[in-house]
Amino acid sequence: MKKERVYLNEKNFVGLTGRTSFALEQDPATATLGPLVQQYFKEGFADKIPNRKNPGDTIILYTNYDSNYQGSYLFGIGEEVFDDKTNHWGEQMMIPKGPYLKFTTKPGPMPKVVVDAWKAIWALEEKGDLGGERRYNVDFELYGERAADPLKTVVDIFIGIKD
């Protein structure tokens, strides 16, 4: 997995959201992230989002952490939109500007490629080898054209870090 430090400008996000925790997501009976992602795609929510900045580039974000990745957090699935105060569809959130570590996965099957990437990121963090101190403000996954093939998905994962 490739890692690089990047600086991102602020992004406006619109999508569906839910609250969950690391423990809840480990059990298919209590997991809410996967079912919301399935609902998002099954019901064609992306096409309902007005003022999409990069149509087809899906974002899954994680924010409002109670502690760290093992606690509870708010997640969302949607897209970046142009700054438009008239957009009243779904939940609106801001991805703040600042430094991020960008991890790019090697091609692999979904969802294994993403699960394995997060496990590697958490292992780096626990060993102090992440490359920066996490902000636990907003982290997100970006699914673009390289994620179109579910057997050869490539995903960019952005981890907010402190300056």
N, C-alpha and C. Protein backbone atom coordinates (compact mmCIF):
# COMPACT_ATOMS: atom_id res chain seq x y z
N MET A 1 0.85 -1.18 0.00
CA MET A 1 0.00 0.00 0.00
C MET A 1 0.89 1.24 0.00
N LYS A 2 0.58 2.13 -0.90
CA LYS A 2 1.36 3.36 -1.04
C LYS A 2 0.86 4.40 -0.03
N LYS A 3 1.80 5.14 0.56
CA LYS A 3 1.45 6.19 1.53
C LYS A 3 2.14 7.48 1.14
N GLU A 4 1.39 8.59 1.18
CA GLU A 4 1.99 9.90 0.95
C GLU A 4 1.27 10.94 1.79
N ARG A 5 2.01 11.98 2.14
CA ARG A 5 1.43 13.10 2.89
C ARG A 5 0.91 14.12 1.88
N VAL A 6 -0.34 14.55 2.06
CA VAL A 6 -0.95 15.51 1.15
C VAL A 6 -1.63 16.61 1.98
N TYR A 7 -1.85 17.74 1.34
CA TYR A 7 -2.60 18.83 1.97
C TYR A 7 -3.86 19.03 1.12
N LEU A 8 -5.02 18.91 1.75
CA LEU A 8 -6.28 19.03 1.03
C LEU A 8 -6.98 20.33 1.36
N ASN A 9 -7.66 20.88 0.38
CA ASN A 9 -8.56 22.00 0.61
C ASN A 9 -9.87 21.47 1.19
N GLU A 10 -10.63 22.36 1.77
CA GLU A 10 -11.92 22.01 2.35
C GLU A 10 -12.83 21.40 1.28
N LYS A 11 -13.61 20.39 1.69
CA LYS A 11 -14.56 19.74 0.79
C LYS A 11 -15.94 19.74 1.44
N ASN A 12 -16.96 20.02 0.64
CA ASN A 12 -18.34 19.94 1.10
C ASN A 12 -18.86 18.55 0.77
N PHE A 13 -19.43 17.88 1.75
CA PHE A 13 -19.92 16.52 1.59
C PHE A 13 -21.42 16.50 1.84
N VAL A 14 -22.14 15.74 1.01
CA VAL A 14 -23.56 15.49 1.21
C VAL A 14 -23.79 13.99 1.05
N GLY A 15 -24.56 13.41 1.98
CA GLY A 15 -24.84 11.98 1.87
C GLY A 15 -25.72 11.48 2.98
N LEU A 16 -25.78 10.17 3.08
CA LEU A 16 -26.52 9.49 4.14
C LEU A 16 -25.56 9.21 5.29
N THR A 17 -26.05 9.28 6.52
CA THR A 17 -25.17 9.07 7.66
C THR A 17 -25.79 8.12 8.68
N GLY A 18 -24.93 7.64 9.54
CA GLY A 18 -25.34 6.79 10.65
C GLY A 18 -24.27 6.81 11.72
N ARG A 19 -24.62 6.33 12.89
CA ARG A 19 -23.65 6.26 13.99
C ARG A 19 -23.41 4.80 14.31
N THR A 20 -22.16 4.46 14.55
CA THR A 20 -21.80 3.08 14.86
C THR A 20 -20.55 3.09 15.72
N SER A 21 -19.99 1.91 15.93
CA SER A 21 -18.73 1.79 16.67
C SER A 21 -17.93 0.63 16.10
N PHE A 22 -16.69 0.60 16.46
CA PHE A 22 -15.81 -0.48 16.02
C PHE A 22 -16.41 -1.83 16.43
N ALA A 23 -16.86 -1.95 17.68
CA ALA A 23 -17.42 -3.22 18.18
C ALA A 23 -18.68 -3.62 17.42
N LEU A 24 -19.56 -2.67 17.17
CA LEU A 24 -20.80 -2.98 16.44
C LEU A 24 -20.51 -3.46 15.03
N GLU A 25 -19.50 -2.89 14.39
CA GLU A 25 -19.20 -3.25 13.01
C GLU A 25 -18.53 -4.62 12.88
N GLN A 26 -18.08 -5.20 13.99
CA GLN A 26 -17.45 -6.51 13.95
C GLN A 26 -18.47 -7.63 13.86
N ASP A 27 -19.74 -7.34 14.17
CA ASP A 27 -20.80 -8.35 14.17
C ASP A 27 -21.81 -8.01 13.07
N PRO A 28 -21.99 -8.89 12.08
CA PRO A 28 -22.93 -8.59 11.00
C PRO A 28 -24.35 -8.29 11.49
N ALA A 29 -24.73 -8.81 12.64
CA ALA A 29 -26.07 -8.56 13.18
C ALA A 29 -26.25 -7.13 13.68
N THR A 30 -25.14 -6.46 14.03
CA THR A 30 -25.24 -5.09 14.57
C THR A 30 -24.57 -4.05 13.68
N ALA A 31 -23.90 -4.49 12.63
CA ALA A 31 -23.21 -3.56 11.74
C ALA A 31 -24.24 -2.70 10.99
N THR A 32 -23.94 -1.41 10.87
CA THR A 32 -24.84 -0.50 10.16
C THR A 32 -24.18 0.13 8.93
N LEU A 33 -22.88 0.15 8.87
CA LEU A 33 -22.19 0.78 7.75
C LEU A 33 -22.48 0.04 6.44
N GLY A 34 -22.27 -1.25 6.41
CA GLY A 34 -22.51 -2.05 5.20
C GLY A 34 -23.94 -1.92 4.69
N PRO A 35 -24.94 -2.09 5.56
CA PRO A 35 -26.32 -1.94 5.09
C PRO A 35 -26.63 -0.54 4.53
N LEU A 36 -26.07 0.51 5.12
CA LEU A 36 -26.32 1.85 4.60
C LEU A 36 -25.65 2.03 3.22
N VAL A 37 -24.46 1.48 3.06
CA VAL A 37 -23.78 1.55 1.78
C VAL A 37 -24.62 0.82 0.72
N GLN A 38 -25.12 -0.36 1.05
CA GLN A 38 -25.96 -1.11 0.12
C GLN A 38 -27.22 -0.33 -0.24
N GLN A 39 -27.86 0.29 0.75
CA GLN A 39 -29.06 1.09 0.50
C GLN A 39 -28.74 2.26 -0.42
N TYR A 40 -27.62 2.92 -0.17
CA TYR A 40 -27.20 4.07 -0.96
C TYR A 40 -27.12 3.71 -2.45
N PHE A 41 -26.48 2.58 -2.74
CA PHE A 41 -26.31 2.18 -4.13
C PHE A 41 -27.59 1.57 -4.72
N LYS A 42 -28.27 0.74 -3.94
CA LYS A 42 -29.49 0.08 -4.42
C LYS A 42 -30.56 1.10 -4.80
N GLU A 43 -30.69 2.15 -4.00
CA GLU A 43 -31.74 3.14 -4.23
C GLU A 43 -31.26 4.33 -5.07
N GLY A 44 -30.03 4.26 -5.58
CA GLY A 44 -29.52 5.28 -6.49
C GLY A 44 -29.44 6.67 -5.87
N PHE A 45 -29.04 6.74 -4.61
CA PHE A 45 -29.00 8.04 -3.92
C PHE A 45 -28.02 9.01 -4.57
N ALA A 46 -26.92 8.52 -5.14
CA ALA A 46 -25.94 9.43 -5.74
C ALA A 46 -26.60 10.31 -6.80
N ASP A 47 -27.48 9.73 -7.58
CA ASP A 47 -28.14 10.49 -8.65
C ASP A 47 -29.12 11.54 -8.11
N LYS A 48 -29.46 11.44 -6.86
CA LYS A 48 -30.40 12.39 -6.24
C LYS A 48 -29.69 13.58 -5.61
N ILE A 49 -28.37 13.52 -5.50
CA ILE A 49 -27.61 14.59 -4.87
C ILE A 49 -27.46 15.74 -5.85
N PRO A 50 -27.94 16.93 -5.48
CA PRO A 50 -27.77 18.08 -6.37
C PRO A 50 -26.35 18.66 -6.29
N ASN A 51 -25.89 19.27 -7.37
CA ASN A 51 -24.63 20.01 -7.40
C ASN A 51 -23.40 19.15 -7.10
N ARG A 52 -23.40 17.92 -7.63
CA ARG A 52 -22.27 17.02 -7.43
C ARG A 52 -21.03 17.57 -8.11
N LYS A 53 -19.93 17.59 -7.38
CA LYS A 53 -18.70 18.14 -7.92
C LYS A 53 -17.98 17.15 -8.84
N ASN A 54 -17.94 15.90 -8.43
CA ASN A 54 -17.28 14.85 -9.21
C ASN A 54 -18.20 13.63 -9.27
N PRO A 55 -19.25 13.69 -10.09
CA PRO A 55 -20.22 12.59 -10.13
C PRO A 55 -19.54 11.23 -10.29
N GLY A 56 -19.95 10.32 -9.43
CA GLY A 56 -19.39 8.97 -9.47
C GLY A 56 -18.25 8.74 -8.50
N ASP A 57 -17.67 9.80 -7.95
CA ASP A 57 -16.63 9.65 -6.93
C ASP A 57 -17.29 9.58 -5.56
N THR A 58 -17.46 8.38 -5.07
CA THR A 58 -18.14 8.15 -3.80
C THR A 58 -17.17 8.33 -2.65
N ILE A 59 -17.66 8.98 -1.60
CA ILE A 59 -16.88 9.19 -0.38
C ILE A 59 -17.58 8.48 0.77
N ILE A 60 -16.80 7.73 1.53
CA ILE A 60 -17.28 7.22 2.82
C ILE A 60 -16.41 7.91 3.85
N LEU A 61 -17.07 8.67 4.74
CA LEU A 61 -16.29 9.42 5.73
C LEU A 61 -16.61 8.98 7.15
N TYR A 62 -15.67 9.27 8.02
CA TYR A 62 -15.75 8.91 9.43
C TYR A 62 -15.43 10.18 10.22
N THR A 63 -16.30 10.53 11.17
CA THR A 63 -16.11 11.77 11.92
C THR A 63 -16.79 11.67 13.28
N ASN A 64 -16.68 12.72 14.07
CA ASN A 64 -17.28 12.77 15.42
C ASN A 64 -16.91 11.54 16.24
N TYR A 65 -15.63 11.23 16.24
CA TYR A 65 -15.12 10.10 17.01
C TYR A 65 -15.28 10.37 18.51
N ASP A 66 -15.70 9.36 19.26
CA ASP A 66 -15.74 9.49 20.72
C ASP A 66 -14.35 9.43 21.31
N SER A 67 -13.48 8.64 20.70
CA SER A 67 -12.11 8.50 21.22
C SER A 67 -11.17 8.27 20.04
N ASN A 68 -10.97 6.99 19.72
CA ASN A 68 -10.13 6.63 18.57
C ASN A 68 -10.93 5.68 17.68
N TYR A 69 -10.25 4.94 16.82
CA TYR A 69 -10.97 4.08 15.88
C TYR A 69 -11.75 2.96 16.57
N GLN A 70 -11.44 2.67 17.83
CA GLN A 70 -12.13 1.59 18.53
C GLN A 70 -13.40 2.06 19.24
N GLY A 71 -13.64 3.36 19.25
CA GLY A 71 -14.85 3.89 19.87
C GLY A 71 -15.97 4.07 18.87
N SER A 72 -16.95 4.87 19.25
CA SER A 72 -18.06 5.12 18.33
C SER A 72 -17.74 6.34 17.46
N TYR A 73 -18.44 6.43 16.34
CA TYR A 73 -18.18 7.51 15.39
C TYR A 73 -19.39 7.65 14.46
N LEU A 74 -19.45 8.78 13.80
CA LEU A 74 -20.44 9.04 12.78
C LEU A 74 -19.82 8.70 11.44
N PHE A 75 -20.57 8.03 10.57
CA PHE A 75 -20.06 7.74 9.24
C PHE A 75 -21.07 8.24 8.22
N GLY A 76 -20.58 8.45 7.02
CA GLY A 76 -21.47 8.88 5.95
C GLY A 76 -21.01 8.34 4.62
N ILE A 77 -21.96 8.20 3.70
CA ILE A 77 -21.65 7.83 2.33
C ILE A 77 -22.34 8.83 1.42
N GLY A 78 -21.58 9.39 0.50
CA GLY A 78 -22.12 10.39 -0.39
C GLY A 78 -21.07 10.88 -1.36
N GLU A 79 -21.18 12.16 -1.70
CA GLU A 79 -20.25 12.74 -2.66
C GLU A 79 -19.90 14.17 -2.26
N GLU A 80 -18.81 14.64 -2.84
CA GLU A 80 -18.44 16.05 -2.69
C GLU A 80 -19.38 16.87 -3.57
N VAL A 81 -19.82 18.01 -3.04
CA VAL A 81 -20.70 18.91 -3.79
C VAL A 81 -20.08 20.30 -3.82
N PHE A 82 -20.54 21.09 -4.81
CA PHE A 82 -20.15 22.49 -4.83
C PHE A 82 -20.77 23.18 -3.63
N ASP A 83 -20.10 24.17 -3.10
CA ASP A 83 -20.62 24.92 -1.96
C ASP A 83 -21.92 25.59 -2.38
N ASP A 84 -23.01 25.09 -1.84
CA ASP A 84 -24.33 25.58 -2.24
C ASP A 84 -25.23 25.55 -1.02
N LYS A 85 -25.55 26.69 -0.51
CA LYS A 85 -26.38 26.78 0.70
C LYS A 85 -27.82 26.34 0.45
N THR A 86 -28.20 26.16 -0.82
CA THR A 86 -29.58 25.75 -1.12
C THR A 86 -29.71 24.22 -1.17
N ASN A 87 -28.61 23.50 -1.00
CA ASN A 87 -28.66 22.04 -1.07
C ASN A 87 -29.21 21.51 0.25
N HIS A 88 -30.41 20.99 0.23
CA HIS A 88 -31.04 20.49 1.45
C HIS A 88 -31.25 18.99 1.40
N TRP A 89 -30.51 18.31 0.53
CA TRP A 89 -30.63 16.87 0.42
C TRP A 89 -29.65 16.21 1.38
N GLY A 90 -30.10 15.22 2.12
CA GLY A 90 -29.21 14.43 2.96
C GLY A 90 -28.51 15.23 4.04
N GLU A 91 -27.52 14.60 4.62
CA GLU A 91 -26.72 15.22 5.69
C GLU A 91 -25.54 15.94 5.05
N GLN A 92 -25.32 17.16 5.48
CA GLN A 92 -24.20 17.93 4.95
C GLN A 92 -23.10 18.02 6.01
N MET A 93 -21.88 17.79 5.58
CA MET A 93 -20.73 17.87 6.47
C MET A 93 -19.57 18.49 5.72
N MET A 94 -18.60 18.91 6.47
CA MET A 94 -17.41 19.53 5.91
C MET A 94 -16.20 18.62 6.17
N ILE A 95 -15.45 18.38 5.13
CA ILE A 95 -14.15 17.73 5.28
C ILE A 95 -13.15 18.89 5.37
N PRO A 96 -12.52 19.06 6.53
CA PRO A 96 -11.68 20.25 6.72
C PRO A 96 -10.39 20.22 5.91
N LYS A 97 -9.93 21.41 5.59
CA LYS A 97 -8.63 21.52 4.92
C LYS A 97 -7.56 21.13 5.92
N GLY A 98 -6.43 20.73 5.38
CA GLY A 98 -5.31 20.41 6.26
C GLY A 98 -4.51 19.22 5.75
N PRO A 99 -3.56 18.79 6.58
CA PRO A 99 -2.70 17.67 6.19
C PRO A 99 -3.41 16.33 6.40
N TYR A 100 -3.19 15.45 5.45
CA TYR A 100 -3.73 14.09 5.51
C TYR A 100 -2.65 13.12 5.06
N LEU A 101 -2.73 11.91 5.55
CA LEU A 101 -1.95 10.82 4.98
C LEU A 101 -2.86 10.11 4.01
N LYS A 102 -2.40 9.98 2.78
CA LYS A 102 -3.19 9.32 1.74
C LYS A 102 -2.60 7.92 1.51
N PHE A 103 -3.42 6.92 1.75
CA PHE A 103 -3.03 5.53 1.52
C PHE A 103 -3.77 5.04 0.28
N THR A 104 -3.04 4.52 -0.69
CA THR A 104 -3.64 3.99 -1.90
C THR A 104 -3.44 2.48 -1.90
N THR A 105 -4.55 1.75 -1.96
CA THR A 105 -4.48 0.30 -1.91
C THR A 105 -3.99 -0.27 -3.24
N LYS A 106 -3.51 -1.48 -3.17
CA LYS A 106 -3.26 -2.25 -4.38
C LYS A 106 -4.61 -2.80 -4.83
N PRO A 107 -4.76 -3.15 -6.10
CA PRO A 107 -6.04 -3.72 -6.55
C PRO A 107 -6.38 -5.00 -5.79
N GLY A 108 -7.66 -5.11 -5.43
CA GLY A 108 -8.11 -6.29 -4.72
C GLY A 108 -9.62 -6.36 -4.68
N PRO A 109 -10.14 -7.48 -4.18
CA PRO A 109 -11.60 -7.66 -4.11
C PRO A 109 -12.22 -6.84 -2.98
N MET A 110 -13.41 -6.30 -3.27
CA MET A 110 -14.17 -5.59 -2.24
C MET A 110 -14.95 -6.61 -1.43
N PRO A 111 -15.11 -6.43 -0.13
CA PRO A 111 -14.59 -5.35 0.70
C PRO A 111 -13.21 -5.66 1.29
N LYS A 112 -12.66 -6.82 0.96
CA LYS A 112 -11.40 -7.25 1.56
C LYS A 112 -10.29 -6.22 1.42
N VAL A 113 -10.18 -5.58 0.25
CA VAL A 113 -9.11 -4.62 0.02
C VAL A 113 -9.19 -3.46 1.03
N VAL A 114 -10.40 -3.02 1.35
CA VAL A 114 -10.57 -1.91 2.29
C VAL A 114 -10.34 -2.37 3.73
N VAL A 115 -10.89 -3.51 4.08
CA VAL A 115 -10.70 -4.05 5.44
C VAL A 115 -9.21 -4.26 5.72
N ASP A 116 -8.50 -4.84 4.77
CA ASP A 116 -7.06 -5.08 4.95
C ASP A 116 -6.29 -3.76 5.06
N ALA A 117 -6.71 -2.76 4.28
CA ALA A 117 -6.03 -1.46 4.35
C ALA A 117 -6.20 -0.83 5.73
N TRP A 118 -7.42 -0.86 6.25
CA TRP A 118 -7.64 -0.28 7.58
C TRP A 118 -6.87 -1.04 8.66
N LYS A 119 -6.82 -2.34 8.56
CA LYS A 119 -6.04 -3.13 9.54
C LYS A 119 -4.57 -2.71 9.50
N ALA A 120 -4.03 -2.51 8.30
CA ALA A 120 -2.64 -2.08 8.17
C ALA A 120 -2.44 -0.69 8.74
N ILE A 121 -3.39 0.22 8.51
CA ILE A 121 -3.31 1.59 9.05
C ILE A 121 -3.34 1.56 10.57
N TRP A 122 -4.26 0.79 11.14
CA TRP A 122 -4.35 0.70 12.61
C TRP A 122 -3.08 0.11 13.20
N ALA A 123 -2.49 -0.89 12.52
CA ALA A 123 -1.24 -1.49 13.01
C ALA A 123 -0.12 -0.46 12.99
N LEU A 124 -0.03 0.35 11.93
CA LEU A 124 0.98 1.40 11.87
C LEU A 124 0.78 2.40 12.99
N GLU A 125 -0.45 2.78 13.25
CA GLU A 125 -0.75 3.74 14.31
C GLU A 125 -0.34 3.19 15.67
N GLU A 126 -0.70 1.94 15.93
CA GLU A 126 -0.39 1.35 17.23
C GLU A 126 1.11 1.21 17.46
N LYS A 127 1.87 1.02 16.38
CA LYS A 127 3.33 0.90 16.50
C LYS A 127 4.03 2.26 16.47
N GLY A 128 3.28 3.33 16.20
CA GLY A 128 3.88 4.65 16.10
C GLY A 128 4.55 4.90 14.76
N ASP A 129 4.19 4.09 13.75
CA ASP A 129 4.81 4.20 12.43
C ASP A 129 3.87 4.80 11.38
N LEU A 130 2.81 5.45 11.80
CA LEU A 130 1.81 5.96 10.86
C LEU A 130 2.38 7.04 9.95
N GLY A 131 3.21 7.91 10.52
CA GLY A 131 3.76 9.02 9.74
C GLY A 131 3.19 10.36 10.16
N GLY A 132 2.44 10.36 11.24
CA GLY A 132 1.84 11.57 11.79
C GLY A 132 0.85 11.19 12.87
N GLU A 133 0.50 12.16 13.69
CA GLU A 133 -0.47 11.91 14.76
C GLU A 133 -1.88 12.19 14.24
N ARG A 134 -2.74 11.20 14.40
CA ARG A 134 -4.11 11.35 13.89
C ARG A 134 -4.87 12.43 14.64
N ARG A 135 -5.67 13.18 13.89
CA ARG A 135 -6.54 14.21 14.49
C ARG A 135 -7.83 13.61 15.03
N TYR A 136 -8.25 12.50 14.46
CA TYR A 136 -9.56 11.91 14.78
C TYR A 136 -10.64 12.97 14.65
N ASN A 137 -10.58 13.70 13.54
CA ASN A 137 -11.57 14.72 13.19
C ASN A 137 -12.41 14.18 12.04
N VAL A 138 -11.81 14.04 10.86
CA VAL A 138 -12.45 13.44 9.69
C VAL A 138 -11.43 12.61 8.93
N ASP A 139 -11.80 11.38 8.65
CA ASP A 139 -11.04 10.49 7.78
C ASP A 139 -12.02 10.05 6.70
N PHE A 140 -11.51 9.71 5.52
CA PHE A 140 -12.45 9.27 4.49
C PHE A 140 -11.80 8.38 3.45
N GLU A 141 -12.65 7.61 2.79
CA GLU A 141 -12.26 6.75 1.69
C GLU A 141 -12.83 7.37 0.42
N LEU A 142 -12.06 7.33 -0.65
CA LEU A 142 -12.50 7.87 -1.94
C LEU A 142 -12.53 6.73 -2.96
N TYR A 143 -13.71 6.51 -3.51
CA TYR A 143 -13.93 5.47 -4.52
C TYR A 143 -14.22 6.15 -5.84
N GLY A 144 -13.30 6.06 -6.77
CA GLY A 144 -13.48 6.65 -8.09
C GLY A 144 -13.55 5.57 -9.15
N GLU A 145 -13.08 5.90 -10.35
CA GLU A 145 -13.09 4.96 -11.47
C GLU A 145 -12.32 3.68 -11.17
N ARG A 146 -11.26 3.80 -10.37
CA ARG A 146 -10.44 2.62 -10.06
C ARG A 146 -11.16 1.63 -9.15
N ALA A 147 -12.33 2.01 -8.65
CA ALA A 147 -13.11 1.12 -7.80
C ALA A 147 -14.27 0.47 -8.55
N ALA A 148 -14.33 0.66 -9.85
CA ALA A 148 -15.46 0.15 -10.64
C ALA A 148 -15.50 -1.37 -10.71
N ASP A 149 -14.34 -2.01 -10.73
CA ASP A 149 -14.29 -3.47 -10.79
C ASP A 149 -14.22 -4.03 -9.36
N PRO A 150 -15.28 -4.70 -8.89
CA PRO A 150 -15.29 -5.17 -7.50
C PRO A 150 -14.23 -6.22 -7.19
N LEU A 151 -13.61 -6.78 -8.22
CA LEU A 151 -12.54 -7.76 -7.99
C LEU A 151 -11.15 -7.13 -8.02
N LYS A 152 -11.06 -5.91 -8.55
CA LYS A 152 -9.77 -5.22 -8.66
C LYS A 152 -9.91 -3.77 -8.19
N THR A 153 -10.54 -3.58 -7.06
CA THR A 153 -10.82 -2.25 -6.53
C THR A 153 -9.55 -1.60 -5.99
N VAL A 154 -9.37 -0.33 -6.32
CA VAL A 154 -8.31 0.50 -5.75
C VAL A 154 -9.01 1.66 -5.03
N VAL A 155 -8.63 1.90 -3.79
CA VAL A 155 -9.26 2.93 -2.96
C VAL A 155 -8.19 3.82 -2.36
N ASP A 156 -8.49 5.11 -2.28
CA ASP A 156 -7.64 6.05 -1.54
C ASP A 156 -8.27 6.29 -0.18
N ILE A 157 -7.48 6.13 0.87
CA ILE A 157 -7.94 6.37 2.24
C ILE A 157 -7.16 7.56 2.78
N PHE A 158 -7.87 8.58 3.24
CA PHE A 158 -7.27 9.80 3.76
C PHE A 158 -7.45 9.85 5.27
N ILE A 159 -6.33 9.96 5.98
CA ILE A 159 -6.32 10.03 7.45
C ILE A 159 -5.90 11.42 7.85
N GLY A 160 -6.77 12.14 8.55
CA GLY A 160 -6.42 13.48 9.02
C GLY A 160 -5.34 13.42 10.07
N ILE A 161 -4.29 14.22 9.87
CA ILE A 161 -3.20 14.25 10.84
C ILE A 161 -2.97 15.70 11.31
N LYS A 162 -2.30 15.80 12.44
CA LYS A 162 -1.99 17.11 12.99
C LYS A 162 -0.81 17.73 12.24
N ASP A 163 -0.80 19.07 12.17
CA ASP A 163 0.33 19.77 11.51
C ASP A 163 1.61 19.50 12.23
